[in-house]
N, C-alpha and C. Protein backbone atom coordinates (compact mmCIF):
# COMPACT_ATOMS: atom_id res chain seq x y z
N MET A 1 0.83 -1.20 0.00
CA MET A 1 0.00 0.00 0.00
C MET A 1 0.87 1.26 0.00
N ALA A 2 1.90 1.28 0.83
CA ALA A 2 2.77 2.46 0.90
C ALA A 2 3.47 2.69 -0.44
N ASN A 3 3.88 1.59 -1.10
CA ASN A 3 4.52 1.73 -2.40
C ASN A 3 3.58 2.31 -3.44
N LEU A 4 2.33 1.85 -3.43
CA LEU A 4 1.33 2.35 -4.38
C LEU A 4 1.07 3.83 -4.15
N LYS A 5 0.94 4.21 -2.89
CA LYS A 5 0.69 5.63 -2.57
C LYS A 5 1.87 6.49 -3.01
N ALA A 6 3.08 6.02 -2.81
CA ALA A 6 4.27 6.76 -3.24
C ALA A 6 4.31 6.87 -4.77
N ALA A 7 3.99 5.77 -5.45
CA ALA A 7 3.97 5.78 -6.92
C ALA A 7 2.89 6.73 -7.43
N PHE A 8 1.74 6.75 -6.75
CA PHE A 8 0.64 7.63 -7.12
C PHE A 8 1.06 9.09 -6.96
N GLU A 9 1.66 9.42 -5.82
CA GLU A 9 2.09 10.80 -5.59
C GLU A 9 3.15 11.23 -6.59
N LYS A 10 4.03 10.31 -6.95
CA LYS A 10 5.05 10.60 -7.97
C LYS A 10 4.39 10.85 -9.32
N ALA A 11 3.39 10.02 -9.67
CA ALA A 11 2.68 10.18 -10.94
C ALA A 11 1.92 11.50 -10.98
N VAL A 12 1.34 11.91 -9.84
CA VAL A 12 0.63 13.20 -9.79
C VAL A 12 1.61 14.33 -10.10
N ALA A 13 2.78 14.27 -9.51
CA ALA A 13 3.80 15.30 -9.78
C ALA A 13 4.23 15.26 -11.25
N GLU A 14 4.43 14.05 -11.78
CA GLU A 14 4.87 13.91 -13.17
C GLU A 14 3.78 14.33 -14.16
N SER A 15 2.51 14.24 -13.75
CA SER A 15 1.42 14.61 -14.65
C SER A 15 1.47 16.09 -15.02
N LYS A 16 2.12 16.89 -14.19
CA LYS A 16 2.20 18.32 -14.43
C LYS A 16 3.31 18.69 -15.41
N SER A 17 4.16 17.71 -15.76
CA SER A 17 5.28 18.01 -16.66
C SER A 17 5.41 16.96 -17.77
N LEU A 18 4.27 16.56 -18.32
CA LEU A 18 4.30 15.60 -19.43
C LEU A 18 4.89 16.28 -20.66
N PRO A 19 5.51 15.50 -21.55
CA PRO A 19 6.15 16.08 -22.73
C PRO A 19 5.16 16.85 -23.62
N GLU A 20 3.93 16.36 -23.73
CA GLU A 20 2.91 17.11 -24.46
C GLU A 20 1.57 16.96 -23.77
N LYS A 21 0.72 17.96 -23.97
CA LYS A 21 -0.59 17.95 -23.29
C LYS A 21 -1.47 16.86 -23.89
N PRO A 22 -2.05 16.01 -23.03
CA PRO A 22 -2.94 14.96 -23.52
C PRO A 22 -4.23 15.55 -24.11
N ASP A 23 -4.92 14.75 -24.93
CA ASP A 23 -6.20 15.21 -25.48
C ASP A 23 -7.23 15.30 -24.36
N ASN A 24 -8.36 15.92 -24.66
CA ASN A 24 -9.38 16.16 -23.64
C ASN A 24 -9.91 14.88 -23.01
N ALA A 25 -10.11 13.84 -23.80
CA ALA A 25 -10.62 12.57 -23.26
C ALA A 25 -9.64 11.99 -22.25
N THR A 26 -8.36 12.08 -22.55
CA THR A 26 -7.33 11.57 -21.64
C THR A 26 -7.26 12.44 -20.38
N LEU A 27 -7.37 13.74 -20.55
CA LEU A 27 -7.37 14.64 -19.39
C LEU A 27 -8.55 14.33 -18.47
N LEU A 28 -9.71 14.04 -19.05
CA LEU A 28 -10.88 13.68 -18.23
C LEU A 28 -10.64 12.38 -17.49
N GLN A 29 -9.97 11.42 -18.14
CA GLN A 29 -9.68 10.14 -17.49
C GLN A 29 -8.70 10.35 -16.33
N ILE A 30 -7.68 11.19 -16.55
CA ILE A 30 -6.73 11.52 -15.49
C ILE A 30 -7.47 12.14 -14.31
N TYR A 31 -8.34 13.10 -14.60
CA TYR A 31 -9.13 13.77 -13.56
C TYR A 31 -9.99 12.77 -12.79
N ALA A 32 -10.71 11.93 -13.53
CA ALA A 32 -11.63 10.98 -12.91
C ALA A 32 -10.89 10.00 -11.99
N LEU A 33 -9.78 9.46 -12.47
CA LEU A 33 -9.02 8.51 -11.65
C LEU A 33 -8.43 9.19 -10.42
N TYR A 34 -7.96 10.42 -10.59
CA TYR A 34 -7.41 11.15 -9.44
C TYR A 34 -8.49 11.37 -8.39
N LYS A 35 -9.65 11.85 -8.83
CA LYS A 35 -10.74 12.12 -7.88
C LYS A 35 -11.22 10.84 -7.21
N GLN A 36 -11.32 9.75 -7.97
CA GLN A 36 -11.77 8.48 -7.39
C GLN A 36 -10.76 7.99 -6.36
N ALA A 37 -9.47 8.14 -6.67
CA ALA A 37 -8.42 7.69 -5.76
C ALA A 37 -8.37 8.52 -4.49
N THR A 38 -8.65 9.81 -4.60
CA THR A 38 -8.48 10.70 -3.44
C THR A 38 -9.78 11.01 -2.70
N ALA A 39 -10.93 10.96 -3.39
CA ALA A 39 -12.19 11.36 -2.76
C ALA A 39 -13.26 10.29 -2.78
N GLY A 40 -13.05 9.21 -3.53
CA GLY A 40 -14.07 8.16 -3.61
C GLY A 40 -15.12 8.48 -4.65
N ASP A 41 -16.27 7.82 -4.54
CA ASP A 41 -17.32 7.97 -5.54
C ASP A 41 -17.83 9.41 -5.61
N VAL A 42 -18.20 9.81 -6.82
CA VAL A 42 -18.76 11.14 -7.06
C VAL A 42 -20.07 11.29 -6.26
N GLU A 43 -20.27 12.48 -5.74
CA GLU A 43 -21.50 12.77 -4.99
C GLU A 43 -22.11 14.04 -5.54
N GLY A 44 -23.35 14.27 -5.19
CA GLY A 44 -24.01 15.49 -5.62
C GLY A 44 -24.67 15.32 -6.97
N LYS A 45 -25.34 16.38 -7.37
CA LYS A 45 -26.07 16.35 -8.64
C LYS A 45 -25.14 16.61 -9.81
N ARG A 46 -25.53 16.06 -10.95
CA ARG A 46 -24.80 16.32 -12.19
C ARG A 46 -25.00 17.79 -12.56
N PRO A 47 -23.91 18.50 -12.90
CA PRO A 47 -24.05 19.91 -13.28
C PRO A 47 -25.00 20.08 -14.47
N GLY A 48 -25.61 21.24 -14.54
CA GLY A 48 -26.55 21.54 -15.61
C GLY A 48 -25.89 21.67 -16.97
N PHE A 49 -26.72 21.74 -17.99
CA PHE A 49 -26.24 21.79 -19.37
C PHE A 49 -25.37 23.02 -19.65
N SER A 50 -25.60 24.10 -18.92
CA SER A 50 -24.83 25.32 -19.16
C SER A 50 -23.39 25.21 -18.66
N ASP A 51 -23.13 24.26 -17.76
CA ASP A 51 -21.77 24.05 -17.24
C ASP A 51 -21.17 22.82 -17.93
N MET A 52 -20.75 23.00 -19.18
CA MET A 52 -20.30 21.85 -19.97
C MET A 52 -19.01 21.23 -19.42
N VAL A 53 -18.09 22.04 -18.92
CA VAL A 53 -16.84 21.51 -18.37
C VAL A 53 -17.12 20.72 -17.10
N GLY A 54 -17.90 21.32 -16.19
CA GLY A 54 -18.26 20.64 -14.95
C GLY A 54 -19.02 19.35 -15.22
N ARG A 55 -19.88 19.39 -16.21
CA ARG A 55 -20.67 18.21 -16.57
C ARG A 55 -19.77 17.10 -17.11
N ALA A 56 -18.82 17.45 -17.97
CA ALA A 56 -17.90 16.46 -18.53
C ALA A 56 -17.04 15.84 -17.42
N LYS A 57 -16.57 16.66 -16.50
CA LYS A 57 -15.77 16.15 -15.38
C LYS A 57 -16.61 15.22 -14.50
N TRP A 58 -17.85 15.64 -14.20
CA TRP A 58 -18.74 14.82 -13.37
C TRP A 58 -19.00 13.48 -14.05
N ASP A 59 -19.28 13.52 -15.35
CA ASP A 59 -19.56 12.28 -16.11
C ASP A 59 -18.35 11.34 -16.10
N ALA A 60 -17.15 11.91 -16.27
CA ALA A 60 -15.94 11.09 -16.27
C ALA A 60 -15.73 10.45 -14.91
N TRP A 61 -15.90 11.24 -13.86
CA TRP A 61 -15.74 10.72 -12.49
C TRP A 61 -16.80 9.68 -12.19
N ASN A 62 -18.02 9.92 -12.62
CA ASN A 62 -19.11 8.97 -12.40
C ASN A 62 -18.85 7.66 -13.15
N GLY A 63 -18.08 7.75 -14.24
CA GLY A 63 -17.75 6.56 -15.04
C GLY A 63 -16.85 5.57 -14.31
N VAL A 64 -16.15 6.03 -13.29
CA VAL A 64 -15.27 5.12 -12.52
C VAL A 64 -15.85 4.85 -11.13
N LYS A 65 -17.12 5.20 -10.94
CA LYS A 65 -17.81 4.99 -9.66
C LYS A 65 -17.73 3.52 -9.26
N GLY A 66 -17.44 3.28 -7.99
CA GLY A 66 -17.37 1.93 -7.48
C GLY A 66 -15.97 1.33 -7.51
N LYS A 67 -15.06 1.97 -8.23
CA LYS A 67 -13.68 1.49 -8.30
C LYS A 67 -12.99 1.82 -6.97
N SER A 68 -12.23 0.87 -6.45
CA SER A 68 -11.53 1.11 -5.18
C SER A 68 -10.45 2.17 -5.35
N ALA A 69 -10.08 2.80 -4.25
CA ALA A 69 -9.03 3.83 -4.29
C ALA A 69 -7.73 3.23 -4.81
N ASP A 70 -7.39 2.01 -4.36
CA ASP A 70 -6.15 1.37 -4.81
C ASP A 70 -6.17 1.11 -6.31
N ALA A 71 -7.30 0.62 -6.82
CA ALA A 71 -7.41 0.35 -8.26
C ALA A 71 -7.31 1.64 -9.06
N ALA A 72 -7.95 2.70 -8.56
CA ALA A 72 -7.89 3.99 -9.25
C ALA A 72 -6.47 4.55 -9.23
N MET A 73 -5.78 4.40 -8.11
CA MET A 73 -4.39 4.86 -8.02
C MET A 73 -3.52 4.11 -9.02
N GLN A 74 -3.68 2.79 -9.09
CA GLN A 74 -2.86 1.99 -10.01
C GLN A 74 -3.14 2.37 -11.46
N GLU A 75 -4.40 2.56 -11.82
CA GLU A 75 -4.74 2.96 -13.18
C GLU A 75 -4.18 4.34 -13.50
N TYR A 76 -4.22 5.24 -12.52
CA TYR A 76 -3.67 6.58 -12.69
C TYR A 76 -2.17 6.50 -12.98
N VAL A 77 -1.47 5.74 -12.16
CA VAL A 77 -0.02 5.57 -12.34
C VAL A 77 0.28 4.99 -13.72
N ASP A 78 -0.46 3.96 -14.12
CA ASP A 78 -0.25 3.32 -15.42
C ASP A 78 -0.53 4.30 -16.56
N LEU A 79 -1.59 5.10 -16.43
CA LEU A 79 -1.93 6.07 -17.47
C LEU A 79 -0.84 7.13 -17.62
N ILE A 80 -0.37 7.68 -16.51
CA ILE A 80 0.68 8.71 -16.57
C ILE A 80 1.95 8.10 -17.17
N GLU A 81 2.29 6.88 -16.77
CA GLU A 81 3.48 6.20 -17.34
C GLU A 81 3.36 6.08 -18.86
N SER A 82 2.16 5.77 -19.33
CA SER A 82 1.97 5.57 -20.78
C SER A 82 2.06 6.89 -21.55
N LEU A 83 1.91 8.01 -20.86
CA LEU A 83 1.94 9.31 -21.53
C LEU A 83 3.33 9.94 -21.54
N LYS A 84 4.29 9.33 -20.84
CA LYS A 84 5.65 9.89 -20.76
C LYS A 84 6.42 9.61 -22.03
C-alpha cells in the first residue's frame, strides 16, 4: 500500500510536466481517476447543461464509480506512465 501511494504521488507530480498535453478525453480520465483515488465515488447532482466543463468532469468521475481507491491509483499511475 505504501509503495502504491508513493507511486501515485510521484505520478501526480509527473502529470504536471508531461512532454505534451494529452487530449481532452485523456485529461478527463486523469481527472476521474485522481478524484476516485483521493475522494471516492462522485457525490451530488450532475451539473446543468450550461456548465459543460463541470458536466464532462462529473460524467468522467461517475464513469469510474465503485472502483476502489487502490485500483484507481494503479490505473492513474499506469496512465501517466503511458503518456511519458
